[in-house]
């Protein structure tokens, strides 16, 4: 079995044994290895997981899912309406729904120059006798590709505080040296209300002033 991460890197699933003889599963970017044998499917009770920070892939035991698919999709849809595709990644773990931001999110200068970059790339491809349809916008693909291949940092998370009422609190990560931790900025409140209220601060200067606005 193979899995391709967001950077386009392929990982393969293998089965091996620990020193005590117990079965051990692992993912490797090598198509063949003497440390294990290929596995055709994910073992029961496990799942393939891609780290939001750096897209590293590994096998982990499945955890109880406390965030619903509907809640996750609502956040993703809200993010799609904010900024450039690929700027944010959503990850659900235990009671947390965490939003990760690309370290290359501040690409305004690059985006303004994509027209010039596109012309240069088309000229190079032309010299190599590689034809690209004029309908394909390299200016759209270049920034998106760069964003996906970069490192991501957790910046905002919603925490389930009421399982029956589906109420959540919200925190942002504070990067000040004397804190470097999550700080509470709102809630508890109904899920959609708290998401709509705080998600629009992403990518703005006001985000770093929360909760003091």
Protein backbone atom coordinates (compact mmCIF):
# COMPACT_ATOMS: atom_id res chain seq x y z
CA UNK A 1 0.00 0.00 0.00
CA UNK A 2 1.22 3.49 -0.78
CA UNK A 3 0.20 6.97 0.32
CA UNK A 4 1.10 10.30 -1.27
CA UNK A 5 1.34 13.31 1.03
CA UNK A 6 0.51 16.92 0.20
CA UNK A 7 4.05 17.53 -1.07
CA UNK A 8 3.70 14.77 -3.62
CA UNK A 9 6.05 12.44 -1.74
CA UNK A 10 5.03 8.77 -1.72
CA UNK A 11 5.22 6.56 1.36
CA UNK A 12 4.91 2.77 1.51
CA UNK A 13 3.45 0.69 4.33
CA UNK A 14 5.53 -2.14 5.78
CA UNK A 15 5.24 -4.75 8.51
CA UNK A 16 8.16 -5.79 10.65
CA UNK A 17 8.87 -7.07 14.15
CA UNK A 18 10.18 -5.55 17.34
CA UNK A 19 13.13 -7.04 19.22
CA UNK A 20 10.64 -8.99 21.33
CA UNK A 21 9.00 -10.46 18.23
CA UNK A 22 5.83 -8.37 18.30
CA UNK A 23 4.43 -7.04 14.99
CA UNK A 24 5.41 -3.49 14.06
CA UNK A 25 4.04 -1.40 11.22
CA UNK A 26 5.75 1.61 9.73
CA UNK A 27 5.73 3.94 6.73
CA UNK A 28 8.81 4.55 4.62
CA UNK A 29 9.54 6.67 1.57
CA UNK A 30 11.66 3.77 0.26
CA UNK A 31 9.93 1.51 -2.23
CA UNK A 32 11.78 -1.48 -0.80
CA UNK A 33 13.50 -2.11 2.51
CA UNK A 34 15.06 -5.06 4.34
CA UNK A 35 13.47 -3.91 7.60
CA UNK A 36 9.98 -5.12 6.70
CA UNK A 37 7.63 -6.62 4.14
CA UNK A 38 5.08 -4.64 2.10
CA UNK A 39 1.52 -4.46 3.45
CA UNK A 40 -1.48 -4.22 1.10
CA UNK A 41 -3.92 -2.58 3.51
CA UNK A 42 -3.97 -0.63 6.75
CA UNK A 43 -4.22 -2.99 9.76
CA UNK A 44 -7.51 -2.93 11.64
CA UNK A 45 -7.54 -0.33 14.40
CA UNK A 46 -4.86 1.79 12.71
CA UNK A 47 -4.84 4.71 10.31
CA UNK A 48 -2.32 6.54 8.15
CA UNK A 49 -1.71 10.04 9.52
CA UNK A 50 0.02 13.01 7.93
CA UNK A 51 1.51 15.55 10.31
CA UNK A 52 0.08 19.01 9.56
CA UNK A 53 3.39 20.69 10.42
CA UNK A 54 5.67 19.02 7.88
CA UNK A 55 3.59 16.37 6.00
CA UNK A 56 5.57 13.49 7.51
CA UNK A 57 3.55 10.26 7.25
CA UNK A 58 3.26 7.48 9.81
CA UNK A 59 0.86 4.80 11.04
CA UNK A 60 -0.97 5.39 14.30
CA UNK A 61 -3.72 3.74 16.32
CA UNK A 62 -7.16 5.16 15.65
CA UNK A 63 -8.41 7.52 18.33
CA UNK A 64 -12.03 8.20 19.32
CA UNK A 65 -13.33 11.01 17.11
CA UNK A 66 -15.02 13.74 19.18
CA UNK A 67 -15.23 16.34 16.38
CA UNK A 68 -17.95 15.50 13.85
CA UNK A 69 -17.40 15.43 10.08
CA UNK A 70 -19.98 18.20 9.74
CA UNK A 71 -18.06 20.45 12.13
CA UNK A 72 -14.78 19.79 10.35
CA UNK A 73 -16.27 20.51 6.93
CA UNK A 74 -17.86 23.73 8.20
CA UNK A 75 -14.44 25.04 9.27
CA UNK A 76 -12.83 24.00 5.98
CA UNK A 77 -15.55 25.74 3.99
CA UNK A 78 -15.15 28.87 6.12
CA UNK A 79 -11.38 28.86 5.45
CA UNK A 80 -11.91 28.46 1.70
CA UNK A 81 -13.79 31.74 1.73
CA UNK A 82 -10.94 33.59 3.44
CA UNK A 83 -7.71 33.45 1.52
CA UNK A 84 -5.71 31.61 -1.06
CA UNK A 85 -6.22 27.86 -1.32
CA UNK A 86 -3.57 25.90 0.58
CA UNK A 87 -2.87 28.58 3.16
CA UNK A 88 -4.53 26.64 6.00
CA UNK A 89 -4.81 23.00 7.11
CA UNK A 90 -7.42 21.62 9.52
CA UNK A 91 -6.57 18.79 11.91
CA UNK A 92 -8.92 17.03 14.35
CA UNK A 93 -7.58 15.21 17.39
CA UNK A 94 -9.48 14.27 20.54
CA UNK A 95 -11.58 17.30 21.56
CA UNK A 96 -9.56 19.77 19.48
CA UNK A 97 -10.09 21.12 15.98
CA UNK A 98 -6.85 22.91 15.14
CA UNK A 99 -6.08 25.26 12.26
CA UNK A 100 -2.52 25.35 10.93
CA UNK A 101 -1.23 28.27 8.85
CA UNK A 102 1.46 28.02 6.16
CA UNK A 103 4.72 29.76 7.04
CA UNK A 104 4.58 31.10 3.47
CA UNK A 105 1.15 32.64 3.89
CA UNK A 106 2.50 36.17 3.48
CA UNK A 107 3.08 35.90 -0.24
CA UNK A 108 1.60 39.20 -1.45
CA UNK A 109 4.81 40.32 -3.10
CA UNK A 110 5.18 36.96 -4.80
CA UNK A 111 1.59 36.96 -6.01
CA UNK A 112 1.98 40.44 -7.49
CA UNK A 113 4.92 39.18 -9.51
CA UNK A 114 3.38 35.91 -10.70
CA UNK A 115 2.63 37.37 -14.12
CA UNK A 116 6.34 37.93 -14.71
CA UNK A 117 7.18 34.49 -13.26
CA UNK A 118 4.61 32.83 -15.51
CA UNK A 119 6.11 34.47 -18.62
CA UNK A 120 9.57 33.24 -17.65
CA UNK A 121 8.36 29.68 -17.06
CA UNK A 122 6.48 29.60 -20.36
CA UNK A 123 9.59 30.83 -22.17
CA UNK A 124 11.70 28.09 -20.59
CA UNK A 125 9.12 25.42 -21.42
CA UNK A 126 8.94 26.75 -24.98
CA UNK A 127 12.69 26.35 -25.44
CA UNK A 128 12.31 22.77 -24.21
CA UNK A 129 9.52 22.33 -26.76
CA UNK A 130 7.02 21.63 -23.99
CA UNK A 131 3.64 23.14 -24.78
CA UNK A 132 1.32 24.34 -22.01
CA UNK A 133 -2.22 25.39 -22.87
CA UNK A 134 -2.78 29.16 -22.48
CA UNK A 135 -5.94 28.25 -20.56
CA UNK A 136 -3.80 26.84 -17.74
CA UNK A 137 -2.88 29.58 -15.27
CA UNK A 138 0.60 29.00 -13.90
CA UNK A 139 0.05 32.07 -11.72
CA UNK A 140 -2.61 30.09 -9.86
CA UNK A 141 -0.59 26.90 -9.58
CA UNK A 142 2.78 28.35 -8.53
CA UNK A 143 1.72 29.94 -5.20
CA UNK A 144 -0.56 27.02 -4.33
CA UNK A 145 2.27 24.50 -4.86
CA UNK A 146 4.71 26.55 -2.79
CA UNK A 147 2.20 26.89 0.05
CA UNK A 148 1.51 23.15 0.21
CA UNK A 149 5.21 22.28 0.32
CA UNK A 150 5.99 24.63 3.19
CA UNK A 151 5.92 24.15 6.95
CA UNK A 152 2.66 24.80 8.84
CA UNK A 153 2.19 26.16 12.36
CA UNK A 154 -0.80 25.74 14.67
CA UNK A 155 -2.38 29.15 15.20
CA UNK A 156 -6.04 28.70 16.19
CA UNK A 157 -7.99 25.87 17.79
CA UNK A 158 -11.54 25.15 18.88
CA UNK A 159 -12.04 22.89 21.89
CA UNK A 160 -15.22 20.90 22.56
CA UNK A 161 -16.47 21.89 26.00
CA UNK A 162 -20.02 20.47 25.86
CA UNK A 163 -20.58 17.15 24.11
CA UNK A 164 -24.38 17.30 24.35
CA UNK A 165 -24.78 21.01 23.57
CA UNK A 166 -21.88 21.05 21.03
CA UNK A 167 -20.44 24.18 22.56
CA UNK A 168 -16.79 25.14 22.05
CA UNK A 169 -14.13 27.44 23.43
CA UNK A 170 -11.48 29.01 21.19
CA UNK A 171 -7.76 29.63 21.71
CA UNK A 172 -4.98 31.18 19.68
CA UNK A 173 -1.30 30.41 19.95
CA UNK A 174 0.75 33.20 21.50
CA UNK A 175 4.27 33.38 20.06
CA UNK A 176 5.68 35.83 22.61
CA UNK A 177 8.82 34.45 24.20
CA UNK A 178 7.56 34.70 27.75
CA UNK A 179 4.36 32.79 26.89
CA UNK A 180 4.69 30.49 23.83
CA UNK A 181 1.47 28.68 24.62
CA UNK A 182 -2.24 28.57 23.87
CA UNK A 183 -4.32 31.38 25.35
CA UNK A 184 -8.10 31.46 25.74
CA UNK A 185 -9.80 34.10 23.58
CA UNK A 186 -13.50 33.20 23.64
CA UNK A 187 -16.39 30.91 24.50
CA UNK A 188 -17.92 28.64 25.38
CA UNK A 189 -20.40 29.24 22.58
CA UNK A 190 -22.39 27.42 19.89
CA UNK A 191 -20.02 25.97 17.29
CA UNK A 192 -20.97 27.85 14.14
CA UNK A 193 -21.26 31.15 16.00
CA UNK A 194 -17.80 30.91 17.55
CA UNK A 195 -16.21 29.80 14.27
CA UNK A 196 -17.78 32.65 12.29
CA UNK A 197 -16.72 35.16 14.94
CA UNK A 198 -13.05 34.24 15.19
CA UNK A 199 -11.99 32.60 11.94
CA UNK A 200 -12.13 35.91 10.05
CA UNK A 201 -9.27 37.22 12.19
CA UNK A 202 -6.84 34.80 10.56
CA UNK A 203 -4.31 36.56 8.36
CA UNK A 204 -4.98 39.96 9.95
CA UNK A 205 -3.02 42.12 12.40
CA UNK A 206 -6.01 42.02 14.77
CA UNK A 207 -5.50 38.29 15.25
CA UNK A 208 -2.47 38.96 17.46
CA UNK A 209 -4.45 41.39 19.60
CA UNK A 210 -7.06 38.82 20.61
CA UNK A 211 -8.64 38.63 23.19
CA UNK A 212 -7.99 42.31 23.91
CA UNK A 213 -10.01 43.82 21.06
